[in-house]
Amino acid sequence: MGTEVVMVHDVPFPPQITTLKPLSLLGHGITDIEIHFLQIKFTAIGVYLDPQIVGHLQQWKGKPGNQLAEDDDFFDALIAAPVEKLLRVVVIKEIKGSQYGVQLESAVRDRLAEVDKYEEEEEEALEKVTEFFQSKFFKKDSIITFHFPATSSPTAEIVFSTEGKEDTKLKVENGNVVQMVKKWYLGGNRGVSATTISSLAYTLSAELSK
């Protein structure tokens, strides 16, 4: 695990972030959207994980990165592993927070509906997340952090930081919603960022073969 700052499309990511313990940058990538046939880079993503995650993925030891990138079971195991995880999402292209919130809401709602877990509690929790982003403006270099502690019942803390303003925070305590937010970013082939999934697969393949 390196000590150098990692540049992801001109956005610097520290190699480690310390929350309760040091988490290592094990994957990074971008999200982009196509507008009138142009690929617009939208956010840069860093995935920070407790290095102990490797112990929970031993059954994939020896598999090359390109195989892991295609293996949804591998990413399900990564999401389910009881270790601390943190996503650092940095804005490249400014956008209204409401646009991001709607994207997140529809991705999470669709995934919950698919497995028949979209009940009133989930709807309420998801509405709070959407409202949290509603009033924000994502200036370039604003940072959205999703922190998933290693607790027995899945919770998430979302923090939004932008220059010149105090950080705002939201705690999400509905386990099903938390799970699907993780899946939106880390869910293998259906994750929002193919480059992040590929990067995670290759890094973890290398870590597993040590």
N, C-alpha and C. Protein backbone atom coordinates (compact mmCIF):
# COMPACT_ATOMS: atom_id res chain seq x y z
N MET A 1 0.85 -1.18 0.00
CA MET A 1 0.00 0.00 0.00
C MET A 1 0.90 1.24 0.00
N GLY A 2 0.73 2.09 -0.99
CA GLY A 2 1.64 3.21 -1.17
C GLY A 2 1.38 4.34 -0.19
N THR A 3 2.32 5.29 -0.18
CA THR A 3 2.15 6.45 0.69
C THR A 3 1.95 7.71 -0.15
N GLU A 4 1.97 7.54 -1.48
CA GLU A 4 1.84 8.70 -2.37
C GLU A 4 0.38 9.10 -2.50
N VAL A 5 0.16 10.39 -2.68
CA VAL A 5 -1.19 10.86 -3.02
C VAL A 5 -1.54 10.31 -4.40
N VAL A 6 -2.75 9.83 -4.56
CA VAL A 6 -3.18 9.27 -5.85
C VAL A 6 -4.01 10.32 -6.58
N MET A 7 -3.64 10.60 -7.83
CA MET A 7 -4.40 11.58 -8.61
C MET A 7 -5.43 10.85 -9.47
N VAL A 8 -6.67 11.25 -9.33
CA VAL A 8 -7.74 10.69 -10.15
C VAL A 8 -8.35 11.85 -10.94
N HIS A 9 -7.97 11.94 -12.21
CA HIS A 9 -8.42 13.06 -13.05
C HIS A 9 -8.22 14.40 -12.36
N ASP A 10 -6.96 14.67 -11.98
CA ASP A 10 -6.57 15.94 -11.34
C ASP A 10 -7.12 16.13 -9.93
N VAL A 11 -7.76 15.12 -9.39
CA VAL A 11 -8.26 15.23 -8.01
C VAL A 11 -7.35 14.39 -7.11
N PRO A 12 -6.73 15.01 -6.09
CA PRO A 12 -5.82 14.24 -5.22
C PRO A 12 -6.59 13.45 -4.16
N PHE A 13 -6.21 12.19 -3.98
CA PHE A 13 -6.78 11.37 -2.92
C PHE A 13 -5.64 10.90 -2.00
N PRO A 14 -5.77 11.16 -0.68
CA PRO A 14 -4.73 10.67 0.22
C PRO A 14 -4.73 9.14 0.23
N PRO A 15 -3.56 8.51 0.44
CA PRO A 15 -3.50 7.04 0.42
C PRO A 15 -4.20 6.41 1.62
N GLN A 16 -4.37 7.22 2.68
CA GLN A 16 -5.06 6.72 3.88
C GLN A 16 -5.94 7.80 4.44
N ILE A 17 -7.06 7.39 5.04
CA ILE A 17 -7.89 8.32 5.80
C ILE A 17 -8.11 7.65 7.15
N THR A 18 -7.88 8.39 8.24
CA THR A 18 -8.08 7.78 9.56
C THR A 18 -9.41 8.25 10.13
N THR A 19 -10.26 7.29 10.42
CA THR A 19 -11.53 7.57 11.10
C THR A 19 -11.34 7.01 12.50
N LEU A 20 -11.93 5.85 12.77
CA LEU A 20 -11.66 5.16 14.04
C LEU A 20 -10.30 4.47 13.95
N LYS A 21 -9.94 4.11 12.72
CA LYS A 21 -8.63 3.47 12.47
C LYS A 21 -8.22 3.85 11.06
N PRO A 22 -6.96 3.61 10.67
CA PRO A 22 -6.55 3.98 9.31
C PRO A 22 -7.23 3.10 8.26
N LEU A 23 -7.81 3.73 7.27
CA LEU A 23 -8.43 3.02 6.14
C LEU A 23 -7.57 3.29 4.91
N SER A 24 -7.39 2.28 4.08
CA SER A 24 -6.50 2.42 2.91
C SER A 24 -7.31 2.63 1.63
N LEU A 25 -6.75 3.45 0.75
CA LEU A 25 -7.37 3.68 -0.56
C LEU A 25 -7.14 2.42 -1.42
N LEU A 26 -8.19 1.63 -1.61
CA LEU A 26 -8.04 0.36 -2.34
C LEU A 26 -8.70 0.39 -3.72
N GLY A 27 -9.39 1.48 -4.01
CA GLY A 27 -10.00 1.57 -5.35
C GLY A 27 -10.34 3.02 -5.65
N HIS A 28 -10.31 3.38 -6.92
CA HIS A 28 -10.68 4.74 -7.29
C HIS A 28 -11.15 4.74 -8.74
N GLY A 29 -11.88 5.78 -9.10
CA GLY A 29 -12.39 5.87 -10.48
C GLY A 29 -13.21 7.13 -10.64
N ILE A 30 -14.03 7.15 -11.67
CA ILE A 30 -14.86 8.33 -11.91
C ILE A 30 -16.28 7.89 -12.26
N THR A 31 -17.21 8.83 -12.14
CA THR A 31 -18.52 8.63 -12.77
C THR A 31 -18.59 9.65 -13.90
N ASP A 32 -19.22 9.26 -14.97
CA ASP A 32 -19.43 10.22 -16.05
C ASP A 32 -20.83 10.03 -16.61
N ILE A 33 -21.31 11.06 -17.27
CA ILE A 33 -22.63 10.97 -17.90
C ILE A 33 -22.48 11.44 -19.34
N GLU A 34 -23.31 10.88 -20.18
CA GLU A 34 -23.24 11.27 -21.59
C GLU A 34 -24.31 12.33 -21.85
N ILE A 35 -23.86 13.48 -22.33
CA ILE A 35 -24.81 14.55 -22.68
C ILE A 35 -24.52 14.94 -24.13
N HIS A 36 -25.51 14.76 -24.99
CA HIS A 36 -25.35 15.07 -26.42
C HIS A 36 -24.06 14.46 -26.98
N PHE A 37 -23.90 13.16 -26.73
CA PHE A 37 -22.76 12.37 -27.26
C PHE A 37 -21.41 12.76 -26.67
N LEU A 38 -21.42 13.62 -25.65
CA LEU A 38 -20.15 13.96 -24.99
C LEU A 38 -20.10 13.26 -23.64
N GLN A 39 -18.94 12.68 -23.32
CA GLN A 39 -18.78 12.08 -21.99
C GLN A 39 -18.34 13.18 -21.03
N ILE A 40 -19.19 13.51 -20.08
CA ILE A 40 -18.86 14.55 -19.10
C ILE A 40 -18.44 13.86 -17.80
N LYS A 41 -17.20 14.11 -17.38
CA LYS A 41 -16.75 13.54 -16.10
C LYS A 41 -17.43 14.32 -14.98
N PHE A 42 -18.00 13.56 -14.06
CA PHE A 42 -18.92 14.15 -13.10
C PHE A 42 -18.32 14.13 -11.69
N THR A 43 -17.87 12.96 -11.22
CA THR A 43 -17.21 12.89 -9.91
C THR A 43 -16.00 11.96 -9.97
N ALA A 44 -15.07 12.18 -9.06
CA ALA A 44 -13.96 11.24 -8.83
C ALA A 44 -14.26 10.53 -7.51
N ILE A 45 -13.95 9.25 -7.46
CA ILE A 45 -14.32 8.43 -6.30
C ILE A 45 -13.08 7.75 -5.72
N GLY A 46 -12.98 7.77 -4.40
CA GLY A 46 -11.95 6.97 -3.72
C GLY A 46 -12.65 6.03 -2.75
N VAL A 47 -12.27 4.76 -2.77
CA VAL A 47 -12.88 3.77 -1.87
C VAL A 47 -11.83 3.40 -0.81
N TYR A 48 -12.13 3.73 0.44
CA TYR A 48 -11.23 3.46 1.55
C TYR A 48 -11.79 2.31 2.38
N LEU A 49 -10.96 1.29 2.60
CA LEU A 49 -11.42 0.12 3.33
C LEU A 49 -10.42 -0.24 4.42
N ASP A 50 -10.95 -0.83 5.48
CA ASP A 50 -10.07 -1.41 6.50
C ASP A 50 -9.28 -2.53 5.82
N PRO A 51 -7.94 -2.49 5.88
CA PRO A 51 -7.15 -3.53 5.19
C PRO A 51 -7.52 -4.96 5.61
N GLN A 52 -8.19 -5.08 6.77
CA GLN A 52 -8.61 -6.42 7.21
C GLN A 52 -9.65 -7.05 6.28
N ILE A 53 -10.16 -6.26 5.36
CA ILE A 53 -11.16 -6.80 4.42
C ILE A 53 -10.60 -8.01 3.67
N VAL A 54 -9.29 -8.00 3.46
CA VAL A 54 -8.66 -9.09 2.71
C VAL A 54 -8.94 -10.45 3.37
N GLY A 55 -8.99 -10.45 4.70
CA GLY A 55 -9.27 -11.69 5.42
C GLY A 55 -10.66 -12.25 5.14
N HIS A 56 -11.59 -11.39 4.71
CA HIS A 56 -12.96 -11.82 4.44
C HIS A 56 -13.16 -12.24 2.99
N LEU A 57 -12.10 -12.13 2.19
CA LEU A 57 -12.24 -12.41 0.74
C LEU A 57 -11.31 -13.54 0.30
N GLN A 58 -10.90 -14.37 1.27
CA GLN A 58 -9.88 -15.38 0.98
C GLN A 58 -10.29 -16.39 -0.10
N GLN A 59 -11.60 -16.62 -0.24
CA GLN A 59 -11.99 -17.64 -1.24
C GLN A 59 -11.71 -17.19 -2.68
N TRP A 60 -11.38 -15.91 -2.85
CA TRP A 60 -11.05 -15.41 -4.20
C TRP A 60 -9.53 -15.28 -4.39
N LYS A 61 -8.78 -15.79 -3.45
CA LYS A 61 -7.32 -15.72 -3.52
C LYS A 61 -6.85 -16.37 -4.82
N GLY A 62 -5.94 -15.70 -5.54
CA GLY A 62 -5.40 -16.30 -6.77
C GLY A 62 -6.20 -15.95 -8.02
N LYS A 63 -7.35 -15.31 -7.85
CA LYS A 63 -8.14 -14.92 -9.04
C LYS A 63 -7.59 -13.61 -9.59
N PRO A 64 -7.42 -13.51 -10.91
CA PRO A 64 -6.92 -12.25 -11.47
C PRO A 64 -7.96 -11.14 -11.41
N GLY A 65 -7.47 -9.91 -11.47
CA GLY A 65 -8.35 -8.74 -11.35
C GLY A 65 -9.47 -8.72 -12.36
N ASN A 66 -9.17 -9.12 -13.63
CA ASN A 66 -10.23 -9.04 -14.64
C ASN A 66 -11.38 -10.00 -14.33
N GLN A 67 -11.07 -11.14 -13.69
CA GLN A 67 -12.13 -12.08 -13.29
C GLN A 67 -12.94 -11.52 -12.13
N LEU A 68 -12.24 -10.95 -11.15
CA LEU A 68 -12.94 -10.39 -9.99
C LEU A 68 -13.87 -9.24 -10.40
N ALA A 69 -13.43 -8.46 -11.38
CA ALA A 69 -14.25 -7.31 -11.82
C ALA A 69 -15.60 -7.75 -12.36
N GLU A 70 -15.66 -8.99 -12.87
CA GLU A 70 -16.91 -9.50 -13.45
C GLU A 70 -17.72 -10.32 -12.44
N ASP A 71 -17.19 -10.49 -11.22
CA ASP A 71 -17.79 -11.43 -10.27
C ASP A 71 -18.63 -10.69 -9.23
N ASP A 72 -19.95 -10.69 -9.44
CA ASP A 72 -20.83 -9.96 -8.52
C ASP A 72 -20.81 -10.56 -7.11
N ASP A 73 -20.55 -11.86 -7.00
CA ASP A 73 -20.49 -12.49 -5.67
C ASP A 73 -19.33 -11.91 -4.86
N PHE A 74 -18.24 -11.63 -5.57
CA PHE A 74 -17.07 -11.05 -4.91
C PHE A 74 -17.43 -9.69 -4.31
N PHE A 75 -18.15 -8.87 -5.08
CA PHE A 75 -18.51 -7.53 -4.58
C PHE A 75 -19.59 -7.61 -3.51
N ASP A 76 -20.47 -8.61 -3.60
CA ASP A 76 -21.45 -8.81 -2.52
C ASP A 76 -20.73 -9.13 -1.22
N ALA A 77 -19.68 -9.97 -1.32
CA ALA A 77 -18.91 -10.33 -0.12
C ALA A 77 -18.16 -9.11 0.42
N LEU A 78 -17.64 -8.29 -0.48
CA LEU A 78 -16.94 -7.07 -0.08
C LEU A 78 -17.90 -6.14 0.68
N ILE A 79 -19.10 -5.98 0.14
CA ILE A 79 -20.10 -5.10 0.77
C ILE A 79 -20.51 -5.66 2.14
N ALA A 80 -20.66 -6.99 2.21
CA ALA A 80 -21.15 -7.62 3.44
C ALA A 80 -20.07 -7.76 4.52
N ALA A 81 -18.79 -7.67 4.13
CA ALA A 81 -17.70 -7.87 5.10
C ALA A 81 -17.85 -6.89 6.27
N PRO A 82 -17.77 -7.39 7.51
CA PRO A 82 -18.01 -6.53 8.68
C PRO A 82 -16.81 -5.65 9.03
N VAL A 83 -16.37 -4.85 8.08
CA VAL A 83 -15.25 -3.93 8.32
C VAL A 83 -15.68 -2.52 7.90
N GLU A 84 -14.96 -1.56 8.45
CA GLU A 84 -15.28 -0.15 8.17
C GLU A 84 -14.98 0.20 6.71
N LYS A 85 -15.86 1.01 6.13
CA LYS A 85 -15.69 1.42 4.72
C LYS A 85 -15.99 2.92 4.62
N LEU A 86 -15.31 3.58 3.69
CA LEU A 86 -15.58 5.00 3.49
C LEU A 86 -15.45 5.32 2.00
N LEU A 87 -16.42 6.04 1.49
CA LEU A 87 -16.38 6.49 0.09
C LEU A 87 -16.17 8.00 0.09
N ARG A 88 -15.18 8.44 -0.64
CA ARG A 88 -14.93 9.88 -0.78
C ARG A 88 -15.23 10.24 -2.23
N VAL A 89 -16.23 11.07 -2.42
CA VAL A 89 -16.68 11.42 -3.77
C VAL A 89 -16.43 12.91 -3.98
N VAL A 90 -15.60 13.24 -4.97
CA VAL A 90 -15.21 14.64 -5.18
C VAL A 90 -15.81 15.13 -6.50
N VAL A 91 -16.44 16.29 -6.44
CA VAL A 91 -17.14 16.81 -7.63
C VAL A 91 -16.12 17.37 -8.64
N ILE A 92 -16.24 16.90 -9.88
CA ILE A 92 -15.40 17.44 -10.98
C ILE A 92 -16.20 18.48 -11.75
N LYS A 93 -17.46 18.15 -12.04
CA LYS A 93 -18.31 19.03 -12.85
C LYS A 93 -19.46 19.51 -11.98
N GLU A 94 -19.57 20.84 -11.83
CA GLU A 94 -20.59 21.32 -10.89
C GLU A 94 -22.00 20.96 -11.35
N ILE A 95 -22.85 20.74 -10.37
CA ILE A 95 -24.19 20.22 -10.63
C ILE A 95 -25.05 20.57 -9.41
N LYS A 96 -26.35 20.62 -9.59
CA LYS A 96 -27.23 20.83 -8.43
C LYS A 96 -27.28 19.56 -7.60
N GLY A 97 -27.28 19.75 -6.28
CA GLY A 97 -27.38 18.59 -5.39
C GLY A 97 -28.64 17.79 -5.64
N SER A 98 -29.70 18.49 -6.05
CA SER A 98 -30.97 17.79 -6.29
C SER A 98 -30.83 16.77 -7.43
N GLN A 99 -29.99 17.08 -8.42
CA GLN A 99 -29.79 16.13 -9.54
C GLN A 99 -29.09 14.87 -9.06
N TYR A 100 -28.08 15.07 -8.20
CA TYR A 100 -27.37 13.92 -7.63
C TYR A 100 -28.33 13.11 -6.75
N GLY A 101 -29.10 13.83 -5.92
CA GLY A 101 -30.04 13.17 -5.01
C GLY A 101 -31.05 12.30 -5.75
N VAL A 102 -31.54 12.80 -6.88
CA VAL A 102 -32.52 12.04 -7.68
C VAL A 102 -31.88 10.79 -8.25
N GLN A 103 -30.63 10.91 -8.72
CA GLN A 103 -29.90 9.74 -9.24
C GLN A 103 -29.77 8.67 -8.17
N LEU A 104 -29.32 9.11 -6.99
CA LEU A 104 -29.11 8.17 -5.89
C LEU A 104 -30.46 7.54 -5.49
N GLU A 105 -31.48 8.38 -5.39
CA GLU A 105 -32.80 7.89 -4.97
C GLU A 105 -33.33 6.82 -5.92
N SER A 106 -33.26 7.10 -7.22
CA SER A 106 -33.85 6.12 -8.15
C SER A 106 -33.04 4.83 -8.18
N ALA A 107 -31.69 4.93 -8.05
CA ALA A 107 -30.85 3.72 -8.04
C ALA A 107 -31.15 2.87 -6.81
N VAL A 108 -31.27 3.52 -5.66
CA VAL A 108 -31.52 2.78 -4.40
C VAL A 108 -32.93 2.21 -4.40
N ARG A 109 -33.90 3.02 -4.82
CA ARG A 109 -35.30 2.55 -4.82
C ARG A 109 -35.47 1.35 -5.75
N ASP A 110 -34.89 1.42 -6.95
CA ASP A 110 -35.01 0.30 -7.90
C ASP A 110 -34.43 -0.98 -7.32
N ARG A 111 -33.28 -0.85 -6.66
CA ARG A 111 -32.63 -2.04 -6.09
C ARG A 111 -33.47 -2.63 -4.96
N LEU A 112 -34.06 -1.74 -4.14
CA LEU A 112 -34.90 -2.22 -3.03
C LEU A 112 -36.17 -2.88 -3.55
N ALA A 113 -36.77 -2.26 -4.57
CA ALA A 113 -38.02 -2.82 -5.13
C ALA A 113 -37.76 -4.19 -5.73
N GLU A 114 -36.61 -4.34 -6.34
CA GLU A 114 -36.24 -5.59 -7.00
C GLU A 114 -36.21 -6.77 -6.02
N VAL A 115 -35.77 -6.49 -4.78
CA VAL A 115 -35.69 -7.57 -3.79
C VAL A 115 -36.84 -7.46 -2.78
N ASP A 116 -37.87 -6.70 -3.16
CA ASP A 116 -39.08 -6.59 -2.37
C ASP A 116 -38.82 -6.06 -0.96
N LYS A 117 -37.97 -5.04 -0.86
CA LYS A 117 -37.67 -4.47 0.46
C LYS A 117 -37.97 -2.98 0.51
N TYR A 118 -38.84 -2.52 -0.39
CA TYR A 118 -39.14 -1.09 -0.40
C TYR A 118 -40.45 -0.86 0.34
N GLU A 119 -40.34 -0.68 1.66
CA GLU A 119 -41.53 -0.45 2.50
C GLU A 119 -41.55 1.01 2.93
N GLU A 120 -42.52 1.34 3.79
CA GLU A 120 -42.64 2.73 4.25
C GLU A 120 -41.37 3.26 4.92
N GLU A 121 -40.75 2.38 5.77
CA GLU A 121 -39.54 2.83 6.49
C GLU A 121 -38.43 3.19 5.51
N GLU A 122 -38.30 2.36 4.46
CA GLU A 122 -37.25 2.62 3.46
C GLU A 122 -37.55 3.91 2.70
N GLU A 123 -38.83 4.08 2.37
CA GLU A 123 -39.23 5.28 1.62
C GLU A 123 -38.90 6.54 2.43
N GLU A 124 -39.22 6.50 3.73
CA GLU A 124 -38.95 7.66 4.60
C GLU A 124 -37.45 7.94 4.69
N ALA A 125 -36.67 6.88 4.91
CA ALA A 125 -35.21 7.06 5.05
C ALA A 125 -34.62 7.61 3.76
N LEU A 126 -35.10 7.10 2.62
CA LEU A 126 -34.58 7.54 1.33
C LEU A 126 -34.98 8.98 1.05
N GLU A 127 -36.19 9.35 1.46
CA GLU A 127 -36.64 10.74 1.28
C GLU A 127 -35.72 11.71 2.04
N LYS A 128 -35.31 11.29 3.24
CA LYS A 128 -34.41 12.15 4.04
C LYS A 128 -33.08 12.35 3.32
N VAL A 129 -32.58 11.28 2.69
CA VAL A 129 -31.31 11.38 1.95
C VAL A 129 -31.49 12.35 0.77
N THR A 130 -32.59 12.19 0.04
CA THR A 130 -32.85 13.06 -1.11
C THR A 130 -32.98 14.52 -0.67
N GLU A 131 -33.70 14.73 0.45
CA GLU A 131 -33.86 16.10 0.98
C GLU A 131 -32.52 16.70 1.40
N PHE A 132 -31.65 15.85 1.95
CA PHE A 132 -30.33 16.31 2.40
C PHE A 132 -29.57 16.96 1.23
N PHE A 133 -29.69 16.34 0.05
CA PHE A 133 -28.96 16.86 -1.11
C PHE A 133 -29.72 17.98 -1.84
N GLN A 134 -31.03 18.04 -1.61
CA GLN A 134 -31.91 18.95 -2.35
C GLN A 134 -31.42 20.39 -2.38
N SER A 135 -31.01 20.90 -1.22
CA SER A 135 -30.68 22.34 -1.13
C SER A 135 -29.21 22.63 -1.43
N LYS A 136 -28.43 21.59 -1.70
CA LYS A 136 -26.98 21.79 -1.89
C LYS A 136 -26.67 22.19 -3.33
N PHE A 137 -25.53 22.86 -3.47
CA PHE A 137 -25.01 23.07 -4.82
C PHE A 137 -23.62 22.45 -4.85
N PHE A 138 -23.42 21.53 -5.77
CA PHE A 138 -22.13 20.83 -5.83
C PHE A 138 -21.16 21.62 -6.68
N LYS A 139 -20.42 22.53 -6.00
CA LYS A 139 -19.37 23.24 -6.73
C LYS A 139 -18.23 22.28 -7.01
N LYS A 140 -17.41 22.61 -7.99
CA LYS A 140 -16.21 21.81 -8.26
C LYS A 140 -15.40 21.67 -6.97
N ASP A 141 -14.89 20.48 -6.74
CA ASP A 141 -14.09 20.15 -5.54
C ASP A 141 -14.89 20.01 -4.24
N SER A 142 -16.22 20.13 -4.31
CA SER A 142 -17.03 19.77 -3.13
C SER A 142 -16.82 18.28 -2.87
N ILE A 143 -16.97 17.88 -1.61
CA ILE A 143 -16.72 16.47 -1.25
C ILE A 143 -17.94 15.88 -0.55
N ILE A 144 -18.36 14.72 -1.03
CA ILE A 144 -19.41 13.95 -0.36
C ILE A 144 -18.73 12.71 0.21
N THR A 145 -18.89 12.49 1.51
CA THR A 145 -18.30 11.32 2.15
C THR A 145 -19.41 10.41 2.65
N PHE A 146 -19.30 9.14 2.32
CA PHE A 146 -20.21 8.13 2.88
C PHE A 146 -19.37 7.26 3.81
N HIS A 147 -19.69 7.30 5.09
CA HIS A 147 -18.92 6.51 6.06
C HIS A 147 -19.79 5.38 6.59
N PHE A 148 -19.29 4.15 6.44
CA PHE A 148 -20.02 2.97 6.89
C PHE A 148 -19.22 2.31 8.02
N PRO A 149 -19.58 2.55 9.27
CA PRO A 149 -18.83 1.94 10.37
C PRO A 149 -19.05 0.42 10.38
N ALA A 150 -18.16 -0.27 11.10
CA ALA A 150 -18.26 -1.73 11.16
C ALA A 150 -19.22 -2.13 12.29
N THR A 151 -20.47 -1.70 12.19
CA THR A 151 -21.44 -2.03 13.25
C THR A 151 -22.27 -3.22 12.81
N SER A 152 -22.90 -3.88 13.80
CA SER A 152 -23.69 -5.07 13.45
C SER A 152 -24.94 -4.68 12.65
N SER A 153 -25.56 -3.53 12.99
CA SER A 153 -26.68 -3.08 12.15
C SER A 153 -26.14 -1.98 11.24
N PRO A 154 -26.29 -2.16 9.92
CA PRO A 154 -25.65 -1.20 8.99
C PRO A 154 -26.18 0.23 9.16
N THR A 155 -25.28 1.17 9.36
CA THR A 155 -25.65 2.59 9.37
C THR A 155 -24.68 3.32 8.45
N ALA A 156 -25.03 4.54 8.10
CA ALA A 156 -24.13 5.34 7.27
C ALA A 156 -24.19 6.78 7.75
N GLU A 157 -23.05 7.46 7.65
CA GLU A 157 -23.06 8.90 7.87
C GLU A 157 -22.65 9.55 6.56
N ILE A 158 -23.48 10.47 6.10
CA ILE A 158 -23.16 11.20 4.87
C ILE A 158 -22.74 12.61 5.28
N VAL A 159 -21.59 13.05 4.76
CA VAL A 159 -21.10 14.40 5.07
C VAL A 159 -20.89 15.14 3.75
N PHE A 160 -21.36 16.37 3.69
CA PHE A 160 -21.14 17.20 2.50
C PHE A 160 -20.28 18.39 2.89
N SER A 161 -19.15 18.56 2.21
CA SER A 161 -18.28 19.72 2.48
C SER A 161 -18.04 20.48 1.20
N THR A 162 -18.20 21.78 1.30
CA THR A 162 -17.88 22.63 0.14
C THR A 162 -17.20 23.88 0.67
N GLU A 163 -16.37 24.47 -0.15
CA GLU A 163 -15.54 25.60 0.28
C GLU A 163 -16.39 26.72 0.89
N GLY A 164 -15.92 27.20 2.02
CA GLY A 164 -16.57 28.36 2.61
C GLY A 164 -17.82 28.07 3.42
N LYS A 165 -18.22 26.81 3.51
CA LYS A 165 -19.43 26.50 4.28
C LYS A 165 -19.11 25.41 5.28
N GLU A 166 -19.86 25.42 6.37
CA GLU A 166 -19.66 24.38 7.38
C GLU A 166 -20.16 23.04 6.83
N ASP A 167 -19.49 21.97 7.22
CA ASP A 167 -19.93 20.64 6.77
C ASP A 167 -21.35 20.35 7.27
N THR A 168 -22.12 19.67 6.44
CA THR A 168 -23.44 19.21 6.89
C THR A 168 -23.43 17.70 6.89
N LYS A 169 -24.18 17.13 7.86
CA LYS A 169 -24.13 15.68 8.05
C LYS A 169 -25.53 15.10 8.12
N LEU A 170 -25.63 13.84 7.74
CA LEU A 170 -26.89 13.11 7.87
C LEU A 170 -26.57 11.67 8.26
N LYS A 171 -27.28 11.17 9.26
CA LYS A 171 -27.09 9.77 9.64
C LYS A 171 -28.23 8.95 9.05
N VAL A 172 -27.90 7.86 8.40
CA VAL A 172 -28.92 6.97 7.82
C VAL A 172 -28.91 5.67 8.61
N GLU A 173 -30.06 5.34 9.20
CA GLU A 173 -30.09 4.18 10.09
C GLU A 173 -30.95 3.04 9.55
N ASN A 174 -31.51 3.22 8.35
CA ASN A 174 -32.27 2.12 7.76
C ASN A 174 -31.29 1.19 7.04
N GLY A 175 -31.13 -0.02 7.57
CA GLY A 175 -30.12 -0.96 7.06
C GLY A 175 -30.29 -1.28 5.59
N ASN A 176 -31.53 -1.39 5.12
CA ASN A 176 -31.75 -1.73 3.70
C ASN A 176 -31.31 -0.61 2.77
N VAL A 177 -31.59 0.63 3.18
CA VAL A 177 -31.18 1.78 2.37
C VAL A 177 -29.64 1.88 2.37
N VAL A 178 -29.04 1.70 3.54
CA VAL A 178 -27.57 1.76 3.65
C VAL A 178 -26.94 0.71 2.72
N GLN A 179 -27.50 -0.49 2.75
CA GLN A 179 -26.99 -1.59 1.94
C GLN A 179 -27.02 -1.24 0.45
N MET A 180 -28.10 -0.62 0.01
CA MET A 180 -28.24 -0.32 -1.42
C MET A 180 -27.42 0.89 -1.85
N VAL A 181 -27.14 1.80 -0.91
CA VAL A 181 -26.21 2.89 -1.24
C VAL A 181 -24.82 2.29 -1.50
N LYS A 182 -24.44 1.33 -0.64
CA LYS A 182 -23.16 0.65 -0.87
C LYS A 182 -23.17 -0.04 -2.23
N LYS A 183 -24.30 -0.68 -2.54
CA LYS A 183 -24.36 -1.42 -3.82
C LYS A 183 -24.29 -0.47 -5.02
N TRP A 184 -24.83 0.72 -4.84
CA TRP A 184 -24.80 1.68 -5.95
C TRP A 184 -23.35 2.01 -6.31
N TYR A 185 -22.50 2.14 -5.30
CA TYR A 185 -21.10 2.46 -5.56
C TYR A 185 -20.20 1.24 -5.70
N LEU A 186 -20.55 0.14 -5.03
CA LEU A 186 -19.61 -0.99 -4.95
C LEU A 186 -20.20 -2.29 -5.49
N GLY A 187 -21.33 -2.19 -6.19
CA GLY A 187 -22.06 -3.41 -6.55
C GLY A 187 -21.65 -4.07 -7.85
N GLY A 188 -20.37 -4.25 -8.05
CA GLY A 188 -19.92 -5.03 -9.22
C GLY A 188 -20.42 -4.44 -10.53
N ASN A 189 -20.91 -5.31 -11.40
CA ASN A 189 -21.31 -4.87 -12.75
C ASN A 189 -22.39 -3.80 -12.76
N ARG A 190 -23.16 -3.72 -11.67
CA ARG A 190 -24.24 -2.73 -11.66
C ARG A 190 -23.86 -1.48 -10.87
N GLY A 191 -22.61 -1.39 -10.47
CA GLY A 191 -22.18 -0.19 -9.74
C GLY A 191 -22.19 1.02 -10.67
N VAL A 192 -22.21 2.20 -10.08
CA VAL A 192 -22.35 3.42 -10.86
C VAL A 192 -21.05 3.78 -11.61
N SER A 193 -19.93 3.19 -11.19
CA SER A 193 -18.65 3.54 -11.80
C SER A 193 -17.84 2.30 -12.15
N ALA A 194 -17.82 1.96 -13.43
CA ALA A 194 -17.08 0.76 -13.88
C ALA A 194 -15.58 0.89 -13.59
N THR A 195 -15.04 2.11 -13.69
CA THR A 195 -13.60 2.30 -13.46
C THR A 195 -13.25 2.01 -12.00
N THR A 196 -14.15 2.38 -11.07
CA THR A 196 -13.91 2.13 -9.64
C THR A 196 -13.94 0.63 -9.36
N ILE A 197 -14.92 -0.06 -9.94
CA ILE A 197 -15.06 -1.51 -9.74
C ILE A 197 -13.82 -2.23 -10.25
N SER A 198 -13.35 -1.83 -11.43
CA SER A 198 -12.16 -2.45 -12.02
C SER A 198 -10.94 -2.20 -11.14
N SER A 199 -10.77 -0.96 -10.67
CA SER A 199 -9.64 -0.61 -9.82
C SER A 199 -9.65 -1.43 -8.52
N LEU A 200 -10.81 -1.53 -7.89
CA LEU A 200 -10.94 -2.33 -6.66
C LEU A 200 -10.56 -3.79 -6.92
N ALA A 201 -11.06 -4.33 -8.04
CA ALA A 201 -10.81 -5.74 -8.37
C ALA A 201 -9.31 -6.01 -8.53
N TYR A 202 -8.62 -5.14 -9.24
CA TYR A 202 -7.18 -5.35 -9.48
C TYR A 202 -6.37 -5.15 -8.19
N THR A 203 -6.72 -4.13 -7.40
CA THR A 203 -5.98 -3.90 -6.14
C THR A 203 -6.18 -5.06 -5.18
N LEU A 204 -7.44 -5.51 -5.04
CA LEU A 204 -7.71 -6.58 -4.08
C LEU A 204 -7.14 -7.91 -4.56
N SER A 205 -7.11 -8.11 -5.87
CA SER A 205 -6.47 -9.32 -6.41
C SER A 205 -5.00 -9.35 -6.00
N ALA A 206 -4.34 -8.20 -6.11
CA ALA A 206 -2.92 -8.10 -5.72
C ALA A 206 -2.75 -8.29 -4.22
N GLU A 207 -3.65 -7.70 -3.43
CA GLU A 207 -3.56 -7.84 -1.95
C GLU A 207 -3.78 -9.29 -1.53
N LEU A 208 -4.71 -9.97 -2.22
CA LEU A 208 -5.03 -11.36 -1.87
C LEU A 208 -3.90 -12.32 -2.23
N SER A 209 -3.08 -11.93 -3.20
CA SER A 209 -2.01 -12.87 -3.60
C SER A 209 -0.72 -12.66 -2.81
N LYS A 210 -0.76 -11.70 -1.85
CA LYS A 210 0.47 -11.45 -1.05
C LYS A 210 0.70 -12.59 -0.07
